[in-house]
N, C-alpha and C. Protein backbone atom coordinates (compact mmCIF):
# COMPACT_ATOMS: atom_id res chain seq x y z
N MET A 1 15.33 67.72 2.01
CA MET A 1 14.90 67.43 0.62
C MET A 1 15.17 68.68 -0.29
N GLY A 2 14.94 69.79 0.25
CA GLY A 2 15.28 70.99 -0.50
C GLY A 2 16.67 71.22 -0.87
N LEU A 3 17.49 70.75 -0.04
CA LEU A 3 18.99 71.00 -0.49
C LEU A 3 19.44 70.13 -1.54
N LEU A 4 18.89 68.93 -1.59
CA LEU A 4 19.18 67.97 -2.70
C LEU A 4 18.68 68.49 -3.92
N LYS A 5 17.40 69.01 -3.79
CA LYS A 5 16.75 69.51 -5.14
C LYS A 5 17.48 70.74 -5.59
N GLY A 6 17.95 71.62 -4.78
CA GLY A 6 18.71 72.81 -5.13
C GLY A 6 20.06 72.41 -5.82
N ILE A 7 20.70 71.40 -5.14
CA ILE A 7 21.95 70.86 -5.92
C ILE A 7 21.64 70.33 -7.27
N PHE A 8 20.53 69.52 -7.43
CA PHE A 8 20.29 68.98 -8.60
C PHE A 8 20.00 70.07 -9.70
N TYR A 9 19.13 71.04 -9.32
CA TYR A 9 18.79 72.06 -10.24
C TYR A 9 20.07 72.98 -10.69
N PHE A 10 21.01 73.07 -9.61
CA PHE A 10 22.30 73.82 -9.86
C PHE A 10 23.06 73.25 -11.05
N TYR A 11 23.19 71.81 -10.97
CA TYR A 11 23.88 71.09 -12.15
C TYR A 11 23.04 71.12 -13.37
N VAL A 12 21.78 71.05 -13.47
CA VAL A 12 20.95 70.91 -14.57
C VAL A 12 21.05 72.33 -15.23
N ASN A 13 20.90 73.23 -14.53
CA ASN A 13 20.97 74.62 -15.12
C ASN A 13 22.38 74.91 -15.73
N GLY A 14 23.41 74.53 -14.97
CA GLY A 14 24.71 74.73 -15.36
C GLY A 14 25.00 73.97 -16.77
N PHE A 15 24.48 72.78 -16.84
CA PHE A 15 24.61 72.02 -18.11
C PHE A 15 23.84 72.54 -19.24
N ARG A 16 22.79 73.16 -19.03
CA ARG A 16 22.01 73.73 -20.02
C ARG A 16 22.63 75.11 -20.58
N GLU A 17 23.47 75.80 -19.80
CA GLU A 17 23.91 76.99 -20.26
C GLU A 17 25.34 76.89 -20.83
N MET A 18 25.98 75.69 -20.84
CA MET A 18 27.22 75.42 -21.42
C MET A 18 27.16 75.46 -22.96
N LYS A 19 28.12 75.97 -23.54
CA LYS A 19 28.27 76.02 -24.98
C LYS A 19 29.32 75.01 -25.44
N VAL A 20 30.46 75.20 -25.09
CA VAL A 20 31.51 74.23 -25.46
C VAL A 20 31.56 73.04 -24.71
N GLY A 21 31.06 73.07 -23.39
CA GLY A 21 31.04 71.97 -22.51
C GLY A 21 30.25 70.89 -23.01
N LYS A 22 29.09 71.08 -23.78
CA LYS A 22 28.30 69.93 -24.28
C LYS A 22 29.15 69.25 -25.28
N GLN A 23 29.79 69.86 -26.10
CA GLN A 23 30.59 69.27 -27.14
C GLN A 23 31.75 68.35 -26.36
N LEU A 24 32.35 68.91 -25.34
CA LEU A 24 33.35 68.27 -24.76
C LEU A 24 32.79 66.92 -24.03
N TRP A 25 31.62 67.04 -23.45
CA TRP A 25 31.02 65.79 -22.86
C TRP A 25 30.65 64.79 -23.85
N LEU A 26 30.27 65.27 -24.98
CA LEU A 26 29.82 64.30 -26.11
C LEU A 26 31.22 63.55 -26.54
N LEU A 27 32.24 64.28 -26.71
CA LEU A 27 33.58 63.71 -27.00
C LEU A 27 33.98 62.76 -25.95
N ILE A 28 33.85 63.02 -24.68
CA ILE A 28 34.26 62.22 -23.57
C ILE A 28 33.35 60.84 -23.68
N LEU A 29 32.01 61.01 -23.84
CA LEU A 29 31.20 59.81 -23.88
C LEU A 29 31.53 58.93 -25.10
N LEU A 30 31.84 59.58 -26.17
CA LEU A 30 32.31 58.81 -27.37
C LEU A 30 33.57 58.01 -27.14
N LYS A 31 34.53 58.73 -26.57
CA LYS A 31 35.83 58.03 -26.22
C LYS A 31 35.51 56.89 -25.27
N LEU A 32 34.71 57.04 -24.28
CA LEU A 32 34.41 56.03 -23.30
C LEU A 32 33.73 54.80 -24.01
N PHE A 33 32.81 55.05 -24.92
CA PHE A 33 32.15 54.11 -25.66
C PHE A 33 33.17 53.33 -26.50
N ILE A 34 34.09 53.91 -27.10
CA ILE A 34 35.20 53.20 -27.93
C ILE A 34 36.00 52.43 -27.07
N MET A 35 36.40 52.97 -25.92
CA MET A 35 37.26 52.17 -25.04
C MET A 35 36.70 51.00 -24.41
N PHE A 36 35.45 51.10 -23.99
CA PHE A 36 34.82 50.01 -23.24
C PHE A 36 34.09 48.98 -24.11
N VAL A 37 33.57 49.42 -25.20
CA VAL A 37 32.70 48.50 -26.10
C VAL A 37 33.49 48.02 -27.13
N ILE A 38 34.03 48.88 -28.15
CA ILE A 38 34.78 48.54 -29.31
C ILE A 38 35.95 47.80 -28.94
N ILE A 39 36.86 48.26 -28.15
CA ILE A 39 38.13 47.63 -27.89
C ILE A 39 37.91 46.27 -27.17
N LYS A 40 36.83 46.20 -26.37
CA LYS A 40 36.64 44.84 -25.74
C LYS A 40 36.22 43.85 -26.69
N LEU A 41 35.38 44.33 -27.68
CA LEU A 41 34.84 43.31 -28.71
C LEU A 41 36.21 42.90 -29.68
N LEU A 42 36.99 43.76 -29.91
CA LEU A 42 38.05 43.38 -30.81
C LEU A 42 39.14 42.66 -30.18
N PHE A 43 39.60 43.10 -28.95
CA PHE A 43 40.88 42.38 -28.26
C PHE A 43 40.55 41.46 -27.25
N PHE A 44 39.42 41.44 -26.52
CA PHE A 44 39.19 40.56 -25.44
C PHE A 44 38.08 39.57 -25.66
N ARG A 45 38.12 38.96 -26.75
CA ARG A 45 37.18 37.98 -27.15
C ARG A 45 37.33 36.74 -26.32
N SER A 46 36.31 36.00 -26.07
CA SER A 46 36.44 34.72 -25.34
C SER A 46 36.88 33.63 -26.26
N LYS A 47 37.97 33.00 -26.09
CA LYS A 47 38.56 32.03 -26.92
C LYS A 47 38.23 30.60 -26.44
N THR A 48 37.30 30.53 -25.40
CA THR A 48 37.01 29.25 -24.91
C THR A 48 35.75 28.71 -25.61
N PRO A 49 35.68 27.45 -25.83
CA PRO A 49 34.50 26.94 -26.41
C PRO A 49 33.30 26.96 -25.34
N ASN A 50 32.01 26.79 -25.84
CA ASN A 50 30.95 26.72 -24.99
C ASN A 50 30.68 25.24 -24.44
N PHE A 51 30.29 25.24 -23.22
CA PHE A 51 30.16 23.88 -22.63
C PHE A 51 28.75 23.77 -22.08
N ASP A 52 28.43 22.39 -22.13
CA ASP A 52 27.02 22.16 -21.67
C ASP A 52 26.87 21.95 -20.23
N ASN A 53 27.89 21.54 -19.52
CA ASN A 53 27.85 21.51 -18.10
C ASN A 53 29.15 21.92 -17.46
N LYS A 54 29.23 22.07 -16.11
CA LYS A 54 30.43 22.45 -15.48
C LYS A 54 31.60 21.50 -15.44
N SER A 55 31.19 20.19 -15.40
CA SER A 55 32.22 19.19 -15.42
C SER A 55 33.07 19.22 -16.75
N ASP A 56 32.51 19.44 -17.78
CA ASP A 56 33.21 19.41 -19.04
C ASP A 56 34.12 20.69 -19.14
N LYS A 57 33.60 21.80 -18.53
CA LYS A 57 34.30 22.98 -18.47
C LYS A 57 35.52 22.80 -17.62
N ALA A 58 35.33 22.13 -16.41
CA ALA A 58 36.42 21.80 -15.56
C ALA A 58 37.51 20.97 -16.04
N ILE A 59 37.16 20.01 -16.89
CA ILE A 59 38.05 19.08 -17.56
C ILE A 59 38.85 19.90 -18.62
N TYR A 60 38.21 20.68 -19.26
CA TYR A 60 38.79 21.54 -20.34
C TYR A 60 39.91 22.36 -19.72
N TYR A 61 39.53 23.14 -18.69
CA TYR A 61 40.58 24.00 -18.08
C TYR A 61 41.68 23.30 -17.42
N ARG A 62 41.37 22.16 -16.77
CA ARG A 62 42.48 21.36 -16.20
C ARG A 62 43.46 20.97 -17.27
N GLU A 63 42.97 20.50 -18.39
CA GLU A 63 43.92 20.10 -19.45
C GLU A 63 44.75 21.31 -19.95
N GLN A 64 44.14 22.40 -20.05
CA GLN A 64 44.70 23.65 -20.67
C GLN A 64 45.85 24.02 -19.66
N LEU A 65 45.62 23.98 -18.42
CA LEU A 65 46.58 24.43 -17.37
C LEU A 65 47.78 23.49 -17.24
N THR A 66 47.51 22.16 -17.45
CA THR A 66 48.61 21.21 -17.11
C THR A 66 49.35 20.93 -18.40
N ASN A 67 48.91 21.40 -19.56
CA ASN A 67 49.70 21.21 -20.79
C ASN A 67 50.82 22.28 -20.96
């Protein structure tokens, strides 16, 4: 358990002493947020209507695939 604790404190202390690294991590997290949340909301919206049960959903998809 002491080895894991030492590794954990190594990374925590290293992150605390960073100057430019904190800003770079902030930029990386901001870019990931934009990529996975904003772009998903804008470009990958669900265009299918909501269904009450699975049989209606199956009928809708069968008609869409065969047309």
